Amino acid sequence: MMAVTDPKLNARVSLRYALAMVPLSLSIPYLGLTSWWFALDSSIANAGLIYGAYRFYKKSDEKNARQLFFGSIVHLPILMALLMVHK
């Protein structure tokens, strides 16, 4: 619904949640669930997601929206795989 009434809100929310993944990924090794190498590896995946969200924030068109959507679908399985590797 907000995509129709306030398109820039979608871009702001996607950037905000992409940035929120950084402290979340850094807290997992702090809590002792994985090794600290997970923080380094996940920061690479998070940087890709943040880059896509920033591009969508700067230019909110259909192409960037699709790329960010695909990137977010790929991002979470990568993080889950990294969690299993660094357990």
C-alpha atoms as a PDB file:
ATOM      1  CA  MET A   1       0.000   0.000   0.000  1.00  0.00           C
ATOM      2  CA  MET A   2       2.753   2.457   0.850  1.00  0.00           C
ATOM      3  CA  ALA A   3       4.452   1.706  -2.455  1.00  0.00           C
ATOM      4  CA  VAL A   4       1.609   3.610  -4.107  1.00  0.00           C
ATOM      5  CA  THR A   5       1.054   6.438  -1.625  1.00  0.00           C
ATOM      6  CA  ASP A   6       4.660   7.078  -0.474  1.00  0.00           C
ATOM      7  CA  PRO A   7       7.301   5.386  -2.666  1.00  0.00           C
ATOM      8  CA  LYS A   8      10.264   7.031  -0.902  1.00  0.00           C
ATOM      9  CA  LEU A   9       9.166   5.393   2.339  1.00  0.00           C
ATOM     10  CA  ASN A  10       9.966   1.986   0.832  1.00  0.00           C
ATOM     11  CA  ALA A  11      13.466   3.137  -0.007  1.00  0.00           C
ATOM     12  CA  ARG A  12      14.048   4.551   3.481  1.00  0.00           C
ATOM     13  CA  VAL A  13      12.755   1.422   5.205  1.00  0.00           C
ATOM     14  CA  SER A  14      14.860  -0.890   3.036  1.00  0.00           C
ATOM     15  CA  LEU A  15      18.004   1.121   3.778  1.00  0.00           C
ATOM     16  CA  ARG A  16      17.205   1.243   7.489  1.00  0.00           C
ATOM     17  CA  TYR A  17      16.724  -2.516   7.751  1.00  0.00           C
ATOM     18  CA  ALA A  18      19.807  -3.230   5.652  1.00  0.00           C
ATOM     19  CA  LEU A  19      21.837  -1.094   8.066  1.00  0.00           C
ATOM     20  CA  ALA A  20      20.214  -2.885  11.019  1.00  0.00           C
ATOM     21  CA  MET A  21      21.700  -6.172   9.824  1.00  0.00           C
ATOM     22  CA  VAL A  22      25.214  -4.977  10.750  1.00  0.00           C
ATOM     23  CA  PRO A  23      24.760  -4.810  14.548  1.00  0.00           C
ATOM     24  CA  LEU A  24      22.635  -7.939  14.426  1.00  0.00           C
ATOM     25  CA  SER A  25      25.396  -9.854  12.653  1.00  0.00           C
ATOM     26  CA  LEU A  26      28.015  -8.486  15.029  1.00  0.00           C
ATOM     27  CA  SER A  27      26.010  -9.499  18.081  1.00  0.00           C
ATOM     28  CA  ILE A  28      25.915 -13.187  17.111  1.00  0.00           C
ATOM     29  CA  PRO A  29      29.627 -13.840  17.797  1.00  0.00           C
ATOM     30  CA  TYR A  30      29.442 -11.607  20.871  1.00  0.00           C
ATOM     31  CA  LEU A  31      26.773 -13.910  22.302  1.00  0.00           C
ATOM     32  CA  GLY A  32      29.020 -16.906  21.663  1.00  0.00           C
ATOM     33  CA  LEU A  33      26.896 -18.545  18.982  1.00  0.00           C
ATOM     34  CA  THR A  34      29.622 -18.482  16.312  1.00  0.00           C
ATOM     35  CA  SER A  35      33.259 -17.553  15.919  1.00  0.00           C
ATOM     36  CA  TRP A  36      34.404 -14.005  15.278  1.00  0.00           C
ATOM     37  CA  TRP A  37      35.166 -14.954  11.676  1.00  0.00           C
ATOM     38  CA  PHE A  38      31.414 -14.880  11.116  1.00  0.00           C
ATOM     39  CA  ALA A  39      31.417 -11.149  11.836  1.00  0.00           C
ATOM     40  CA  LEU A  40      34.005 -10.594   9.129  1.00  0.00           C
ATOM     41  CA  ASP A  41      32.325 -12.846   6.570  1.00  0.00           C
ATOM     42  CA  SER A  42      28.842 -11.545   7.249  1.00  0.00           C
ATOM     43  CA  SER A  43      30.015  -7.954   6.911  1.00  0.00           C
ATOM     44  CA  ILE A  44      30.845  -8.702   3.271  1.00  0.00           C
ATOM     45  CA  ALA A  45      27.339 -10.018   2.644  1.00  0.00           C
ATOM     46  CA  ASN A  46      25.837  -7.107   4.576  1.00  0.00           C
ATOM     47  CA  ALA A  47      27.868  -4.617   2.542  1.00  0.00           C
ATOM     48  CA  GLY A  48      26.328  -6.004  -0.634  1.00  0.00           C
ATOM     49  CA  LEU A  49      22.832  -5.656   0.786  1.00  0.00           C
ATOM     50  CA  ILE A  50      23.517  -2.130   2.027  1.00  0.00           C
ATOM     51  CA  TYR A  51      24.902  -1.163  -1.373  1.00  0.00           C
ATOM     52  CA  GLY A  52      21.741  -2.405  -3.085  1.00  0.00           C
ATOM     53  CA  ALA A  53      19.515  -0.628  -0.572  1.00  0.00           C
ATOM     54  CA  TYR A  54      21.490   2.601  -0.991  1.00  0.00           C
ATOM     55  CA  ARG A  55      21.155   2.418  -4.766  1.00  0.00           C
ATOM     56  CA  PHE A  56      17.411   1.885  -4.351  1.00  0.00           C
ATOM     57  CA  TYR A  57      17.298   4.828  -1.929  1.00  0.00           C
ATOM     58  CA  LYS A  58      19.047   7.126  -4.409  1.00  0.00           C
ATOM     59  CA  LYS A  59      17.089   6.000  -7.460  1.00  0.00           C
ATOM     60  CA  SER A  60      13.797   4.301  -6.661  1.00  0.00           C
ATOM     61  CA  ASP A  61      12.959   2.661  -9.951  1.00  0.00           C
ATOM     62  CA  GLU A  62      11.740  -0.801 -10.848  1.00  0.00           C
ATOM     63  CA  LYS A  63      15.178  -2.071 -11.878  1.00  0.00           C
ATOM     64  CA  ASN A  64      16.800  -1.210  -8.543  1.00  0.00           C
ATOM     65  CA  ALA A  65      13.781  -2.554  -6.672  1.00  0.00           C
ATOM     66  CA  ARG A  66      14.076  -5.911  -8.431  1.00  0.00           C
ATOM     67  CA  GLN A  67      17.827  -6.065  -7.805  1.00  0.00           C
ATOM     68  CA  LEU A  68      17.342  -5.301  -4.120  1.00  0.00           C
ATOM     69  CA  PHE A  69      14.584  -7.900  -3.885  1.00  0.00           C
ATOM     70  CA  PHE A  70      16.817 -10.552  -5.456  1.00  0.00           C
ATOM     71  CA  GLY A  71      19.708  -9.492  -3.209  1.00  0.00           C
ATOM     72  CA  SER A  72      17.580  -9.801  -0.091  1.00  0.00           C
ATOM     73  CA  ILE A  73      16.417 -13.267  -1.126  1.00  0.00           C
ATOM     74  CA  VAL A  74      20.051 -14.350  -1.546  1.00  0.00           C
ATOM     75  CA  HIS A  75      21.300 -12.541   1.573  1.00  0.00           C
ATOM     76  CA  LEU A  76      19.528 -14.564   4.266  1.00  0.00           C
ATOM     77  CA  PRO A  77      20.546 -18.033   2.988  1.00  0.00           C
ATOM     78  CA  ILE A  78      24.128 -16.783   2.772  1.00  0.00           C
ATOM     79  CA  LEU A  79      23.972 -15.673   6.400  1.00  0.00           C
ATOM     80  CA  MET A  80      22.459 -19.008   7.443  1.00  0.00           C
ATOM     81  CA  ALA A  81      25.184 -20.898   5.584  1.00  0.00           C
ATOM     82  CA  LEU A  82      27.825 -18.757   7.267  1.00  0.00           C
ATOM     83  CA  LEU A  83      26.257 -19.504  10.635  1.00  0.00           C
ATOM     84  CA  MET A  84      26.562 -23.220   9.972  1.00  0.00           C
ATOM     85  CA  VAL A  85      30.133 -22.935   8.679  1.00  0.00           C
ATOM     86  CA  HIS A  86      31.336 -20.883  11.649  1.00  0.00           C
ATOM     87  CA  LYS A  87      29.499 -22.850  14.337  1.00  0.00           C
END
